[in-house]
Amino acid sequence: MVLGETFIFRFYRKVLRIQKIMRVVKKSILHRFPLYRNG
């Protein structure tokens, strides 16, 4: 049961890290191509 909680916690941290990377990538793409921000 504790092992399952550890696995869920590790998976949750991995998802948060992927979301942070995607946010940085999206921000850099929007900064590089400002046309996409307007629509």
C-alpha atoms as a PDB file:
ATOM      1  CA  MET A   1       0.000   0.000   0.000  1.00  0.00           C
ATOM      2  CA  VAL A   2       2.867   2.349   0.841  1.00  0.00           C
ATOM      3  CA  LEU A   3       4.602   1.229  -2.355  1.00  0.00           C
ATOM      4  CA  GLY A   4       1.527   2.210  -4.368  1.00  0.00           C
ATOM      5  CA  GLU A   5       1.446   5.654  -2.749  1.00  0.00           C
ATOM      6  CA  THR A   6       5.131   6.131  -3.561  1.00  0.00           C
ATOM      7  CA  PHE A   7       4.492   5.145  -7.191  1.00  0.00           C
ATOM      8  CA  ILE A   8       1.545   7.575  -7.450  1.00  0.00           C
ATOM      9  CA  PHE A   9       3.604  10.376  -5.877  1.00  0.00           C
ATOM     10  CA  ARG A  10       6.514   9.744  -8.266  1.00  0.00           C
ATOM     11  CA  PHE A  11       4.143   9.659 -11.257  1.00  0.00           C
ATOM     12  CA  TYR A  12       2.510  12.920 -10.084  1.00  0.00           C
ATOM     13  CA  ARG A  13       5.903  14.669  -9.831  1.00  0.00           C
ATOM     14  CA  LYS A  14       6.818  13.419 -13.309  1.00  0.00           C
ATOM     15  CA  VAL A  15       3.552  14.822 -14.726  1.00  0.00           C
ATOM     16  CA  LEU A  16       4.210  18.186 -13.031  1.00  0.00           C
ATOM     17  CA  ARG A  17       7.711  18.285 -14.509  1.00  0.00           C
ATOM     18  CA  ILE A  18       6.358  17.494 -18.004  1.00  0.00           C
ATOM     19  CA  GLN A  19       3.712  20.239 -17.641  1.00  0.00           C
ATOM     20  CA  LYS A  20       6.405  22.748 -16.623  1.00  0.00           C
ATOM     21  CA  ILE A  21       8.557  21.794 -19.635  1.00  0.00           C
ATOM     22  CA  MET A  22       5.560  22.066 -21.992  1.00  0.00           C
ATOM     23  CA  ARG A  23       4.729  25.498 -20.554  1.00  0.00           C
ATOM     24  CA  VAL A  24       8.311  26.729 -21.135  1.00  0.00           C
ATOM     25  CA  VAL A  25       8.338  25.301 -24.671  1.00  0.00           C
ATOM     26  CA  LYS A  26       4.964  26.898 -25.462  1.00  0.00           C
ATOM     27  CA  LYS A  27       6.145  30.262 -24.079  1.00  0.00           C
ATOM     28  CA  SER A  28       9.343  30.128 -26.172  1.00  0.00           C
ATOM     29  CA  ILE A  29       7.353  29.226 -29.311  1.00  0.00           C
ATOM     30  CA  LEU A  30       4.913  32.091 -28.685  1.00  0.00           C
ATOM     31  CA  HIS A  31       7.837  34.443 -28.094  1.00  0.00           C
ATOM     32  CA  ARG A  32       9.533  33.310 -31.292  1.00  0.00           C
ATOM     33  CA  PHE A  33       6.352  33.452 -33.422  1.00  0.00           C
ATOM     34  CA  PRO A  34       4.115  36.292 -32.148  1.00  0.00           C
ATOM     35  CA  LEU A  35       1.596  35.668 -34.950  1.00  0.00           C
ATOM     36  CA  TYR A  36       0.220  32.595 -33.141  1.00  0.00           C
ATOM     37  CA  ARG A  37      -0.613  34.674 -30.059  1.00  0.00           C
ATOM     38  CA  ASN A  38      -3.019  36.904 -31.995  1.00  0.00           C
ATOM     39  CA  GLY A  39      -4.855  33.961 -33.487  1.00  0.00           C
END
